[in-house]
N, C-alpha and C. Protein backbone atom coordinates (compact mmCIF):
# COMPACT_ATOMS: atom_id res chain seq x y z
N UNK A 1 8.68 -1.31 39.75
CA UNK A 1 8.77 -0.41 39.09
C UNK A 1 7.38 -0.29 38.38
N UNK A 2 7.01 1.17 37.77
CA UNK A 2 5.20 1.21 37.52
C UNK A 2 5.64 0.89 36.08
N UNK A 3 4.52 0.29 35.31
CA UNK A 3 4.62 -0.17 33.97
C UNK A 3 3.76 1.14 33.12
N UNK A 4 4.56 1.67 32.13
CA UNK A 4 3.50 2.16 31.37
C UNK A 4 3.27 1.69 29.78
N UNK A 5 2.99 2.12 28.67
CA UNK A 5 2.54 1.73 27.78
C UNK A 5 3.00 2.90 26.67
N UNK A 6 4.02 2.80 25.82
CA UNK A 6 4.56 3.71 25.40
C UNK A 6 4.41 3.91 23.50
N UNK A 7 3.46 4.92 22.94
CA UNK A 7 3.25 4.47 21.67
C UNK A 7 4.86 4.86 20.83
N UNK A 8 5.27 3.93 19.74
CA UNK A 8 6.30 4.18 19.27
C UNK A 8 6.44 3.79 17.78
N UNK A 9 6.65 5.12 17.10
CA UNK A 9 6.23 4.91 15.65
C UNK A 9 7.68 4.38 14.72
N UNK A 10 8.71 4.54 15.39
CA UNK A 10 9.94 4.58 15.06
C UNK A 10 10.67 6.16 14.30
N UNK A 11 9.87 7.16 14.80
CA UNK A 11 10.33 8.27 14.35
C UNK A 11 10.98 8.68 15.77
N UNK A 12 11.86 10.39 15.72
CA UNK A 12 12.16 10.88 16.62
C UNK A 12 11.60 11.07 17.92
N UNK A 13 10.21 11.68 17.47
CA UNK A 13 9.47 12.07 19.00
C UNK A 13 9.31 10.90 19.51
N UNK A 14 8.53 9.81 18.90
CA UNK A 14 8.15 8.71 20.11
C UNK A 14 9.56 7.99 20.52
N UNK A 15 10.48 8.01 20.03
CA UNK A 15 11.86 7.43 20.68
C UNK A 15 12.16 8.09 21.95
N UNK A 16 12.03 9.56 21.47
CA UNK A 16 12.72 10.63 22.72
C UNK A 16 11.56 10.16 23.84
N UNK A 17 10.01 10.09 23.59
CA UNK A 17 9.18 9.66 24.45
C UNK A 17 9.75 8.52 25.31
N UNK A 18 10.10 7.47 24.52
CA UNK A 18 10.21 6.48 25.51
C UNK A 18 11.58 6.33 26.18
N UNK A 19 12.64 7.15 25.73
CA UNK A 19 13.94 7.29 26.66
C UNK A 19 13.53 8.14 27.88
N UNK A 20 12.24 9.03 27.69
CA UNK A 20 12.24 9.97 28.81
C UNK A 20 11.35 9.41 30.00
N UNK A 21 10.44 8.44 29.50
CA UNK A 21 9.80 7.71 30.30
C UNK A 21 10.73 6.57 31.23
N UNK A 22 11.78 6.00 30.41
CA UNK A 22 12.84 5.12 30.73
C UNK A 22 13.23 6.20 32.07
N UNK A 23 13.73 7.24 31.85
CA UNK A 23 14.91 7.94 32.92
C UNK A 23 13.51 8.05 34.09
N UNK A 24 12.26 8.33 33.78
CA UNK A 24 11.41 8.56 34.81
C UNK A 24 11.36 7.23 35.64
N UNK A 25 11.86 6.42 34.87
CA UNK A 25 11.42 4.96 36.07
C UNK A 25 10.72 3.94 35.94
N UNK A 26 9.97 4.10 34.53
CA UNK A 26 9.11 3.31 34.32
C UNK A 26 9.36 2.39 33.84
N UNK A 27 8.93 1.00 33.87
CA UNK A 27 9.16 -0.25 32.95
C UNK A 27 8.01 -0.18 31.65
N UNK A 28 8.77 0.18 30.76
CA UNK A 28 8.20 0.81 29.50
C UNK A 28 7.62 -0.65 28.43
N UNK A 29 6.51 -0.39 28.20
CA UNK A 29 5.93 -1.33 27.45
C UNK A 29 5.55 -0.82 25.76
N UNK A 30 6.60 -1.03 24.84
CA UNK A 30 6.30 -0.26 23.70
C UNK A 30 5.10 -1.11 22.80
N UNK A 31 4.17 0.17 22.04
CA UNK A 31 3.36 -0.42 21.35
C UNK A 31 3.49 0.45 19.54
N UNK A 32 3.40 -0.53 18.67
CA UNK A 32 3.64 -0.20 17.26
C UNK A 32 2.22 -0.40 16.30
N UNK A 33 1.97 0.01 15.26
CA UNK A 33 0.82 -0.03 14.34
C UNK A 33 1.53 -0.46 13.01
N UNK A 34 0.90 -1.71 12.46
CA UNK A 34 0.98 -1.82 11.33
C UNK A 34 -0.64 -1.47 10.93
N UNK A 35 -0.54 -0.42 10.53
CA UNK A 35 -2.24 0.20 9.87
C UNK A 35 -2.33 0.44 8.56
N UNK A 36 -1.62 -0.30 7.89
CA UNK A 36 -1.87 -0.03 6.39
C UNK A 36 -1.07 1.23 5.58
N UNK A 37 0.01 1.55 6.62
CA UNK A 37 0.44 3.19 6.31
C UNK A 37 1.49 2.93 4.99
N UNK A 38 1.61 4.20 4.34
CA UNK A 38 2.75 3.74 2.97
C UNK A 38 3.79 3.05 3.11
N UNK A 39 4.38 3.01 4.23
CA UNK A 39 5.73 2.46 4.46
C UNK A 39 6.00 1.69 5.77
N UNK A 40 6.51 0.73 5.74
CA UNK A 40 6.48 -0.50 6.82
C UNK A 40 7.80 -0.35 7.48
N UNK A 41 8.80 0.57 6.92
CA UNK A 41 10.07 0.30 7.31
C UNK A 41 10.16 0.96 8.73
N UNK A 42 9.27 1.78 8.81
CA UNK A 42 9.45 2.65 10.22
C UNK A 42 9.32 1.49 11.48
N UNK A 43 8.43 0.16 11.00
CA UNK A 43 8.28 -0.60 11.91
C UNK A 43 9.69 -1.36 12.51
N UNK A 44 10.50 -1.65 11.50
CA UNK A 44 11.94 -2.00 11.82
C UNK A 44 12.51 -1.35 12.85
N UNK A 45 12.28 0.26 12.15
CA UNK A 45 13.13 0.89 13.11
C UNK A 45 12.61 0.91 14.33
N UNK A 46 11.31 1.04 14.75
CA UNK A 46 10.84 0.75 15.88
C UNK A 46 11.25 -0.15 16.75
N UNK A 47 11.51 -1.29 16.11
CA UNK A 47 11.82 -2.85 16.99
C UNK A 47 13.12 -2.56 17.24
N UNK A 48 14.32 -1.92 16.62
CA UNK A 48 15.70 -1.25 17.17
C UNK A 48 15.49 -0.20 18.20
N UNK A 49 14.61 0.67 18.00
CA UNK A 49 14.51 1.73 19.19
C UNK A 49 13.95 0.78 20.21
N UNK A 50 13.21 0.01 20.43
CA UNK A 50 12.66 -0.49 21.69
C UNK A 50 13.49 -1.00 22.41
N UNK A 51 14.18 -1.96 21.47
CA UNK A 51 15.94 -2.59 22.05
C UNK A 51 16.67 -1.67 22.59
N UNK A 52 16.94 -0.83 21.74
CA UNK A 52 18.13 0.00 22.23
C UNK A 52 17.86 0.71 23.39
N UNK A 53 16.74 0.75 23.53
CA UNK A 53 16.54 2.15 24.72
C UNK A 53 15.71 1.37 26.07
N UNK A 54 16.14 -0.10 25.91
CA UNK A 54 15.29 -0.83 26.84
C UNK A 54 13.81 -1.33 27.51
N UNK A 55 13.19 -1.27 26.37
CA UNK A 55 11.77 -1.66 26.48
C UNK A 55 11.68 -2.87 26.86
N UNK A 56 10.88 -3.08 27.87
CA UNK A 56 10.58 -4.28 28.39
C UNK A 56 9.82 -5.53 27.43
N UNK A 57 8.98 -4.93 26.72
CA UNK A 57 8.43 -5.89 25.66
C UNK A 57 7.98 -4.66 24.64
N UNK A 58 7.81 -5.14 23.27
CA UNK A 58 7.55 -4.49 21.68
C UNK A 58 6.48 -5.24 21.06
N UNK A 59 5.03 -4.49 21.39
CA UNK A 59 4.07 -5.25 20.19
C UNK A 59 3.85 -4.43 19.14
N UNK A 60 3.37 -5.10 18.22
CA UNK A 60 2.92 -4.61 17.07
C UNK A 60 1.39 -5.23 16.44
N UNK A 61 0.58 -4.19 16.65
CA UNK A 61 -0.60 -4.56 16.30
C UNK A 61 -1.14 -4.21 15.15
N UNK A 62 -1.92 -4.70 14.35
CA UNK A 62 -1.72 -4.63 13.14
C UNK A 62 -3.43 -4.56 13.04
N UNK A 63 -4.04 -3.65 12.05
CA UNK A 63 -5.04 -3.51 11.45
C UNK A 63 -5.17 -2.59 10.05
N UNK A 64 -6.02 -2.16 9.27
CA UNK A 64 -6.15 -1.65 7.93
C UNK A 64 -6.72 -0.62 8.31
N UNK A 65 -6.16 0.76 8.14
CA UNK A 65 -6.64 2.12 7.87
C UNK A 65 -7.08 2.49 6.26
N UNK A 66 -6.13 1.62 5.83
CA UNK A 66 -6.34 1.48 3.82
C UNK A 66 -7.83 1.74 3.35
N UNK A 67 -8.62 0.73 4.43
CA UNK A 67 -9.96 0.69 3.88
C UNK A 67 -10.53 2.39 3.92
N UNK A 68 -10.16 2.98 4.92
CA UNK A 68 -10.53 4.28 4.59
C UNK A 68 -10.39 5.10 3.69
N UNK A 69 -8.62 5.08 4.03
CA UNK A 69 -7.88 6.01 3.05
C UNK A 69 -8.09 7.37 3.69
N UNK A 70 -8.35 8.56 2.46
CA UNK A 70 -8.39 9.58 2.97
C UNK A 70 -7.05 10.60 3.62
N UNK A 71 -6.13 10.04 3.51
CA UNK A 71 -4.43 10.29 3.72
C UNK A 71 -3.55 10.03 3.07
N UNK A 72 -2.51 10.78 2.95
CA UNK A 72 -1.19 10.66 1.81
C UNK A 72 -0.49 9.34 2.31
N UNK A 73 -0.78 9.13 3.88
CA UNK A 73 -0.26 7.90 4.27
C UNK A 73 -1.17 6.52 4.08
N UNK A 74 -2.08 6.92 3.66
CA UNK A 74 -2.92 5.49 3.40
C UNK A 74 -3.60 5.63 2.57
N UNK A 75 -3.81 6.18 1.58
CA UNK A 75 -3.94 5.99 0.25
C UNK A 75 -3.17 6.39 -1.10
N UNK A 76 -3.53 6.13 -2.17
CA UNK A 76 -2.70 6.36 -3.40
C UNK A 76 -2.66 8.11 -3.80
N UNK A 77 -2.40 8.90 -2.36
CA UNK A 77 -2.30 10.34 -2.73
C UNK A 77 -0.92 10.81 -2.89
N UNK A 78 -0.50 11.72 -3.15
CA UNK A 78 0.76 12.35 -3.17
C UNK A 78 1.33 12.86 -1.92
N UNK A 79 2.53 12.74 -1.00
CA UNK A 79 2.55 12.93 -0.04
C UNK A 79 3.52 14.98 -0.51
N UNK A 80 2.87 15.58 -0.02
CA UNK A 80 3.37 17.16 -0.41
C UNK A 80 4.89 17.05 0.10
N UNK A 81 5.43 18.00 -1.00
CA UNK A 81 6.77 17.91 -0.69
C UNK A 81 7.27 19.53 -1.11
N UNK A 82 8.34 19.83 -0.73
CA UNK A 82 8.95 21.40 -0.64
C UNK A 82 8.21 22.50 -0.33
N UNK A 83 7.39 22.36 0.74
CA UNK A 83 6.53 23.37 1.39
C UNK A 83 7.21 24.13 2.12
N UNK A 84 6.87 25.30 2.13
CA UNK A 84 7.86 26.67 2.65
C UNK A 84 7.09 26.39 4.24
N UNK A 85 7.27 27.10 5.43
CA UNK A 85 6.97 27.09 6.61
C UNK A 85 5.60 27.57 6.78
N UNK A 86 5.28 28.51 5.80
CA UNK A 86 4.03 29.42 5.91
C UNK A 86 2.70 27.97 5.51
N UNK A 87 3.27 27.40 4.51
CA UNK A 87 2.38 26.34 4.11
C UNK A 87 2.31 25.12 5.24
N UNK A 88 3.39 24.73 5.46
CA UNK A 88 3.35 23.71 6.45
C UNK A 88 2.31 23.96 7.95
N UNK A 89 2.55 25.23 8.51
CA UNK A 89 2.11 26.00 9.28
C UNK A 89 0.32 26.38 9.47
N UNK A 90 -0.10 26.15 7.86
CA UNK A 90 -1.32 26.74 7.70
C UNK A 90 -2.12 25.11 7.66
N UNK A 91 -3.17 25.07 8.14
CA UNK A 91 -4.46 24.25 7.85
C UNK A 91 -3.86 22.92 8.53
N UNK A 92 -5.02 21.78 8.28
CA UNK A 92 -4.44 20.31 8.57
C UNK A 92 -4.09 19.61 7.06
N UNK A 93 -2.93 19.13 7.15
CA UNK A 93 -1.86 18.46 6.38
C UNK A 93 -2.68 17.26 5.49
N UNK A 94 -2.77 16.82 4.33
CA UNK A 94 -3.04 15.86 3.80
C UNK A 94 -2.58 13.93 4.61
N UNK A 95 -1.53 14.90 5.35
CA UNK A 95 -0.76 13.64 5.65
C UNK A 95 -1.15 12.97 6.89
N UNK A 96 -2.55 14.02 7.24
CA UNK A 96 -3.34 13.58 8.88
C UNK A 96 -3.90 12.52 8.43
N UNK A 97 -4.17 11.15 9.08
CA UNK A 97 -4.93 10.22 9.02
C UNK A 97 -6.02 10.40 9.88
N UNK A 98 -7.28 10.36 9.46
CA UNK A 98 -8.29 10.25 10.30
C UNK A 98 -8.02 9.68 11.55
N UNK A 99 -8.18 10.43 12.57
CA UNK A 99 -8.69 10.05 14.04
C UNK A 99 -7.53 9.09 14.69
N UNK A 100 -6.31 9.35 13.82
CA UNK A 100 -5.07 8.16 14.10
C UNK A 100 -4.84 8.26 15.59
N UNK A 101 -4.88 9.11 16.21
CA UNK A 101 -4.26 9.45 17.31
C UNK A 101 -5.19 9.00 18.81
N UNK A 102 -6.48 8.89 18.10
CA UNK A 102 -7.74 8.58 18.91
C UNK A 102 -7.38 7.14 19.11
N UNK A 103 -7.48 6.38 17.85
CA UNK A 103 -7.31 4.87 17.15
C UNK A 103 -6.21 4.07 18.36
N UNK A 104 -4.63 5.13 18.32
CA UNK A 104 -3.86 4.65 18.84
C UNK A 104 -3.79 4.40 19.99
N UNK A 105 -4.35 5.52 20.93
CA UNK A 105 -4.40 5.53 22.28
C UNK A 105 -5.66 4.58 22.72
N UNK A 106 -6.41 4.19 22.05
CA UNK A 106 -7.57 3.38 22.36
C UNK A 106 -6.89 2.03 22.56
N UNK A 107 -5.89 1.69 21.84
CA UNK A 107 -5.58 0.66 21.52
C UNK A 107 -4.44 0.92 23.08
N UNK A 108 -3.68 1.40 22.86
CA UNK A 108 -3.03 2.03 24.35
C UNK A 108 -3.45 1.38 25.39
N UNK A 109 -4.62 1.97 25.56
CA UNK A 109 -5.52 2.07 26.88
C UNK A 109 -6.08 0.58 27.01
N UNK A 110 -6.18 -0.02 25.95
CA UNK A 110 -6.61 -1.71 26.31
C UNK A 110 -5.34 -2.57 26.98
N UNK A 111 -4.08 -2.18 25.74
CA UNK A 111 -3.11 -2.79 26.54
C UNK A 111 -2.53 -2.49 27.98
N UNK A 112 -2.47 -0.97 28.33
CA UNK A 112 -2.47 -0.58 29.43
C UNK A 112 -3.18 -1.43 30.45
N UNK A 113 -4.59 -1.49 30.15
CA UNK A 113 -5.71 -2.22 31.33
C UNK A 113 -4.95 -3.48 31.30
N UNK A 114 -5.00 -4.30 30.33
CA UNK A 114 -4.62 -5.90 30.45
C UNK A 114 -3.29 -5.96 31.18
N UNK A 115 -2.31 -4.97 31.04
CA UNK A 115 -0.88 -4.91 32.06
C UNK A 115 -0.90 -4.66 33.32
N UNK A 116 -2.18 -4.12 33.86
CA UNK A 116 -2.11 -3.43 34.80
C UNK A 116 -1.29 -1.90 34.81
N UNK A 117 -1.07 -1.35 33.83
CA UNK A 117 -0.54 0.12 33.88
C UNK A 117 -1.59 1.09 34.07
N UNK A 118 -1.24 2.06 34.84
CA UNK A 118 -1.77 3.27 34.45
C UNK A 118 -1.41 4.28 33.95
N UNK A 119 -0.25 4.31 32.93
CA UNK A 119 0.32 5.46 32.59
C UNK A 119 0.32 4.94 31.01
N UNK A 120 0.20 6.06 30.17
CA UNK A 120 0.46 6.15 28.50
C UNK A 120 1.32 7.06 28.31
N UNK A 121 2.13 6.96 27.35
CA UNK A 121 2.80 8.06 26.90
C UNK A 121 3.05 8.12 25.34
N UNK A 122 2.70 9.27 24.78
CA UNK A 122 2.59 9.39 23.20
C UNK A 122 3.41 10.96 23.06
N UNK A 123 4.32 10.79 21.84
CA UNK A 123 4.92 11.96 21.48
C UNK A 123 4.10 12.98 20.59
N UNK A 124 3.10 13.23 21.17
CA UNK A 124 2.52 14.68 20.65
C UNK A 124 2.95 15.92 20.53
N UNK A 125 3.18 16.79 19.88
CA UNK A 125 3.65 18.33 19.86
C UNK A 125 2.51 19.34 19.36
N UNK A 126 2.21 20.46 19.97
CA UNK A 126 1.47 21.09 19.80
C UNK A 126 2.26 22.53 19.12
N UNK A 127 3.24 22.60 18.68
CA UNK A 127 4.22 23.51 18.34
C UNK A 127 4.20 23.41 16.70
N UNK A 128 5.09 22.33 16.37
CA UNK A 128 5.47 22.21 15.08
C UNK A 128 4.70 21.46 14.23
N UNK A 129 3.59 21.06 15.23
CA UNK A 129 2.66 20.09 14.41
C UNK A 129 1.33 20.40 14.86
N UNK A 130 1.21 21.64 15.01
CA UNK A 130 -0.04 22.73 15.35
C UNK A 130 -1.32 22.05 14.53
N UNK A 131 -0.98 21.66 13.24
CA UNK A 131 -2.12 21.28 12.11
C UNK A 131 -2.98 20.17 12.35
N UNK A 132 -2.56 19.38 13.26
CA UNK A 132 -2.99 18.18 13.74
C UNK A 132 -3.72 18.44 14.36
N UNK A 133 -5.33 18.32 14.83
CA UNK A 133 -6.11 18.18 15.65
C UNK A 133 -5.90 17.41 16.93
N UNK A 134 -5.81 16.38 16.73
CA UNK A 134 -5.47 15.06 17.75
C UNK A 134 -3.92 15.10 18.22
N UNK A 135 -3.40 16.46 18.15
CA UNK A 135 -1.93 16.72 19.17
C UNK A 135 -2.37 17.59 20.24
N UNK A 136 -3.60 18.19 20.16
CA UNK A 136 -3.42 19.42 20.89
C UNK A 136 -4.20 18.73 22.48
N UNK A 137 -3.17 19.62 23.23
CA UNK A 137 -3.60 19.42 24.58
C UNK A 137 -4.94 19.39 25.06
N UNK A 138 -5.86 19.90 24.62
CA UNK A 138 -7.34 19.76 24.63
C UNK A 138 -7.95 18.20 24.40
N UNK A 139 -7.07 17.62 23.47
CA UNK A 139 -7.28 16.50 23.08
C UNK A 139 -6.93 15.14 23.83
N UNK A 140 -5.69 15.62 24.38
CA UNK A 140 -4.85 14.60 25.49
C UNK A 140 -6.26 14.56 26.87
N UNK A 141 -6.36 15.81 27.16
CA UNK A 141 -7.20 16.34 28.49
C UNK A 141 -8.35 14.95 28.33
N UNK A 142 -9.15 15.40 27.05
CA UNK A 142 -10.37 14.63 26.91
C UNK A 142 -10.20 13.03 26.83
N UNK A 143 -9.11 12.77 26.00
CA UNK A 143 -8.94 11.18 26.26
C UNK A 143 -8.78 10.72 27.49
N UNK A 144 -7.82 11.25 28.30
CA UNK A 144 -7.48 10.87 29.70
C UNK A 144 -8.77 10.80 30.60
N UNK A 145 -9.73 11.67 30.49
CA UNK A 145 -11.16 11.58 31.11
C UNK A 145 -11.74 10.16 30.44
N UNK A 146 -11.77 10.22 29.08
CA UNK A 146 -12.39 9.06 28.71
C UNK A 146 -11.80 7.79 29.20
N UNK A 147 -10.44 7.77 28.84
CA UNK A 147 -9.85 6.39 29.61
C UNK A 147 -10.30 5.87 31.07
N UNK A 148 -10.96 7.09 31.95
CA UNK A 148 -11.00 6.56 33.20
C UNK A 148 -12.16 6.52 33.57
N UNK A 149 -13.21 6.63 32.21
CA UNK A 149 -14.46 6.41 32.41
C UNK A 149 -14.70 4.97 31.98
N UNK A 150 -14.13 4.87 30.60
CA UNK A 150 -14.28 3.74 29.66
C UNK A 150 -13.89 2.26 30.08
N UNK A 151 -13.32 2.28 31.20
CA UNK A 151 -12.62 1.02 31.59
C UNK A 151 -12.54 0.64 33.04
N UNK A 152 -12.72 -0.98 33.24
CA UNK A 152 -13.22 -1.28 34.17
C UNK A 152 -12.22 -1.02 35.62
N UNK A 153 -11.06 -0.78 35.22
CA UNK A 153 -9.84 -0.44 36.25
C UNK A 153 -10.01 1.17 36.23
N UNK A 154 -10.75 1.78 35.63
CA UNK A 154 -11.05 3.33 36.11
C UNK A 154 -12.51 3.43 36.78
N UNK A 155 -13.36 2.47 36.49
CA UNK A 155 -14.71 2.67 37.15
C UNK A 155 -14.71 1.84 38.79
N UNK A 156 -13.55 0.93 38.71
CA UNK A 156 -13.40 0.12 40.00
C UNK A 156 -12.28 0.91 40.64
N UNK A 157 -11.79 2.05 40.29
CA UNK A 157 -10.97 2.71 41.16
C UNK A 157 -9.39 1.96 41.32
N UNK A 158 -8.97 0.93 40.39
CA UNK A 158 -8.00 0.12 40.83
C UNK A 158 -6.84 1.12 39.61
N UNK A 159 -7.29 1.77 38.56
CA UNK A 159 -6.17 2.63 38.28
C UNK A 159 -6.77 3.86 37.96
N UNK A 160 -6.07 5.07 38.00
CA UNK A 160 -6.26 6.20 37.61
C UNK A 160 -5.22 6.44 36.46
N UNK A 161 -5.87 6.44 35.27
CA UNK A 161 -5.02 6.52 33.81
C UNK A 161 -4.52 7.73 33.72
N UNK A 162 -3.31 7.99 33.54
CA UNK A 162 -2.60 9.16 33.03
C UNK A 162 -1.83 9.26 31.54
N UNK A 163 -1.96 10.00 30.92
CA UNK A 163 -1.55 10.10 29.56
C UNK A 163 -0.50 11.19 29.55
N UNK A 164 0.79 10.73 29.59
CA UNK A 164 1.75 11.88 29.26
C UNK A 164 2.40 12.47 27.99
N UNK A 165 2.67 13.24 28.09
CA UNK A 165 3.04 14.13 26.54
C UNK A 165 4.09 15.12 26.82
N UNK A 166 5.39 14.41 27.34
CA UNK A 166 6.52 15.26 27.88
C UNK A 166 6.89 16.14 26.67
N UNK A 167 6.63 16.20 25.09
CA UNK A 167 7.10 16.60 24.00
C UNK A 167 6.06 17.87 24.10
N UNK A 168 4.91 17.93 24.59
CA UNK A 168 3.81 18.63 24.30
C UNK A 168 4.28 20.40 23.79
N UNK A 169 4.77 20.87 24.60
CA UNK A 169 5.23 22.40 24.32
C UNK A 169 6.61 22.51 24.10
N UNK A 170 7.14 21.45 23.57
CA UNK A 170 8.48 21.74 22.96
C UNK A 170 8.74 22.21 21.32
N UNK A 171 9.87 23.09 21.07
CA UNK A 171 9.71 22.97 19.96
C UNK A 171 10.56 21.93 19.17
N UNK A 172 10.96 21.79 17.75
CA UNK A 172 11.56 20.75 17.22
C UNK A 172 12.97 20.67 17.79
N UNK A 173 13.51 21.72 17.79
CA UNK A 173 14.73 22.04 18.44
C UNK A 173 14.88 21.39 19.84
N UNK A 174 14.02 21.87 20.75
CA UNK A 174 14.09 21.23 21.76
C UNK A 174 13.88 19.90 21.90
N UNK A 175 13.05 19.38 21.44
CA UNK A 175 12.81 17.96 21.06
C UNK A 175 14.28 17.25 20.48
N UNK A 176 15.07 17.91 19.92
CA UNK A 176 16.36 17.09 19.44
C UNK A 176 17.26 17.23 20.84
N UNK A 177 17.33 18.73 21.40
CA UNK A 177 18.59 18.82 22.43
C UNK A 177 17.99 17.64 23.80
N UNK A 178 16.68 17.56 23.92
CA UNK A 178 16.01 16.25 24.67
C UNK A 178 16.59 15.26 24.35
N UNK A 179 16.28 14.47 23.17
CA UNK A 179 16.80 13.11 22.52
C UNK A 179 18.19 13.04 22.83
N UNK A 180 19.07 13.81 22.29
CA UNK A 180 20.36 13.97 22.45
C UNK A 180 20.68 13.67 24.02
N UNK A 181 20.40 14.49 24.91
CA UNK A 181 20.67 14.24 26.54
C UNK A 181 20.15 13.04 27.13
N UNK A 182 19.32 12.39 26.74
CA UNK A 182 18.59 11.31 27.15
C UNK A 182 19.38 9.86 26.03
N UNK A 183 20.09 9.95 25.46
CA UNK A 183 21.15 8.96 24.57
C UNK A 183 20.27 8.33 23.64
N UNK A 184 19.06 9.16 22.87
CA UNK A 184 18.07 8.56 21.80
C UNK A 184 19.36 8.10 20.65
N UNK A 185 19.32 7.09 19.96
CA UNK A 185 19.68 6.75 18.89
C UNK A 185 19.08 7.50 17.49
N UNK A 186 19.40 8.67 17.65
CA UNK A 186 18.99 9.37 16.74
C UNK A 186 18.94 9.12 15.06
N UNK A 187 20.06 8.88 14.90
CA UNK A 187 20.23 8.60 13.37
C UNK A 187 19.63 6.92 12.83
N UNK A 188 18.75 6.18 14.02
CA UNK A 188 18.14 5.39 13.59
C UNK A 188 16.70 5.74 13.53
N UNK A 189 16.26 6.67 13.73
CA UNK A 189 14.89 7.27 13.76
C UNK A 189 14.48 7.34 12.32
N UNK A 190 13.29 7.40 11.77
CA UNK A 190 12.85 7.51 10.56
C UNK A 190 11.57 8.67 10.80
N UNK A 191 11.57 10.01 10.52
CA UNK A 191 10.53 10.80 10.51
C UNK A 191 9.41 11.10 9.10
N UNK A 192 10.26 10.60 8.07
CA UNK A 192 10.00 11.07 6.99
C UNK A 192 8.67 10.26 6.68
N UNK A 193 7.86 10.89 5.70
CA UNK A 193 6.35 10.47 5.81
C UNK A 193 6.94 9.40 4.03
N UNK A 194 7.49 9.83 3.35
CA UNK A 194 7.91 9.08 2.33
C UNK A 194 9.14 8.79 1.58
N UNK A 195 9.78 7.86 2.93
CA UNK A 195 11.19 7.19 2.93
C UNK A 195 11.39 6.07 1.56
N UNK A 196 12.24 5.78 1.19
CA UNK A 196 12.49 4.51 0.06
C UNK A 196 12.21 3.23 0.87
N UNK A 197 12.25 2.79 -0.15
CA UNK A 197 12.10 1.12 0.52
C UNK A 197 13.22 0.78 1.30
N UNK A 198 14.38 1.49 1.22
CA UNK A 198 15.51 1.01 1.96
C UNK A 198 15.64 1.89 3.39
N UNK A 199 14.65 2.70 3.53
CA UNK A 199 14.08 3.73 4.99
C UNK A 199 15.10 4.96 4.60
N UNK A 200 15.88 5.26 3.22
CA UNK A 200 16.02 6.60 3.21
C UNK A 200 15.13 7.55 3.50
N UNK A 201 15.54 8.99 3.86
CA UNK A 201 14.41 10.01 4.10
C UNK A 201 14.57 10.64 2.56
N UNK A 202 13.02 11.19 2.02
CA UNK A 202 12.83 11.76 0.95
C UNK A 202 13.63 13.25 1.02
N UNK A 203 13.82 13.99 2.43
CA UNK A 203 14.50 15.23 2.49
C UNK A 203 13.16 16.28 1.79
N UNK A 204 12.20 16.10 1.60
CA UNK A 204 11.62 16.98 1.08
C UNK A 204 9.88 17.09 1.66
N UNK A 205 9.72 15.99 2.18
CA UNK A 205 8.25 16.46 2.81
C UNK A 205 8.27 17.44 4.07
N UNK A 206 6.91 17.40 4.48
CA UNK A 206 7.21 17.99 5.55
C UNK A 206 7.72 17.74 6.90
N UNK A 207 7.68 16.67 7.28
CA UNK A 207 8.71 15.90 8.49
C UNK A 207 10.04 15.90 8.30
N UNK A 208 10.54 16.00 6.88
CA UNK A 208 11.74 16.42 6.70
C UNK A 208 11.92 17.61 7.09
N UNK A 209 11.24 18.16 6.45
CA UNK A 209 11.87 19.93 6.57
C UNK A 209 11.63 20.06 8.04
N UNK A 210 10.81 19.66 8.66
CA UNK A 210 10.72 20.27 10.47
C UNK A 210 11.90 19.94 11.10
N UNK A 211 12.22 18.22 10.76
CA UNK A 211 13.16 17.81 11.41
C UNK A 211 14.82 18.62 11.40
N UNK A 212 14.88 18.47 9.95
CA UNK A 212 15.78 19.23 9.16
C UNK A 212 16.21 20.80 10.23
N UNK A 213 15.16 21.65 10.03
CA UNK A 213 15.17 23.19 10.72
C UNK A 213 15.52 22.48 12.17
N UNK A 214 14.82 21.74 12.97
CA UNK A 214 15.31 21.39 14.21
C UNK A 214 16.37 21.07 14.84
N UNK A 215 17.03 19.94 13.89
CA UNK A 215 18.66 19.71 13.98
C UNK A 215 19.35 20.97 13.70
N UNK A 216 19.10 22.14 12.90
CA UNK A 216 19.80 23.00 12.42
C UNK A 216 19.95 24.21 13.90
N UNK A 217 18.65 24.50 14.27
CA UNK A 217 18.45 25.11 15.16
C UNK A 217 19.37 24.87 16.58
N UNK A 218 19.07 23.75 16.97
CA UNK A 218 19.71 23.02 18.18
C UNK A 218 21.14 22.70 17.96
N UNK A 219 21.78 23.32 16.80
CA UNK A 219 23.30 23.15 16.28
C UNK A 219 23.41 21.84 16.60
N UNK A 220 22.85 20.78 15.91
CA UNK A 220 23.30 19.37 16.32
C UNK A 220 23.45 18.52 15.12
N UNK A 221 24.03 17.77 14.68
CA UNK A 221 24.34 16.81 13.43
C UNK A 221 23.45 15.68 13.67
N UNK A 222 22.63 15.46 12.57
CA UNK A 222 21.38 14.39 12.39
C UNK A 222 22.42 13.11 12.00
N UNK A 223 22.47 12.41 12.70
CA UNK A 223 23.18 10.92 12.64
C UNK A 223 23.28 10.24 13.26
């Protein structure tokens, strides 16, 4: 089996990507991050999901983006609540963590090169999360080019790195349908930006709103 590194946050999207890559026949090495985010409960969810979906390994890398702050997820800034669709779809939200996907993918690239994997997968989506610049197809294509220039495996031709984004063009409803088709334990995933310490979603942040709409449009129950 070919090896792949899967970025796994504990949320619905990344869990669906892990299940999709497993279906495609990859031996999946899941990678999560303790980066100083507002709540660590997502890491316990990621561990559960990695086990449930058959990851061969699950690593958690630690570093501290709270040293920079500038995001509602890494600083003492209130998470926006009760925003309407127009507000959610306009501009870059304060929940954007500066350069986070670039950092995450760099870690994934180092991990992939270490284990001899040529494939990386990430749950970016350019429709429901169009406000995030590091979710755009142009960014993914640029990082893929970088991966093949910046590594010994790429320079020596030992590996041709590919960044998989199977959710890139799906709506949230489409992601929900795919997750259910793949047998993702959706009730264990956590999408909320501001959950309780016990892991209960707030139900009011942008992520909760988009998730609720996705399940409603998919005609599915979120449990």
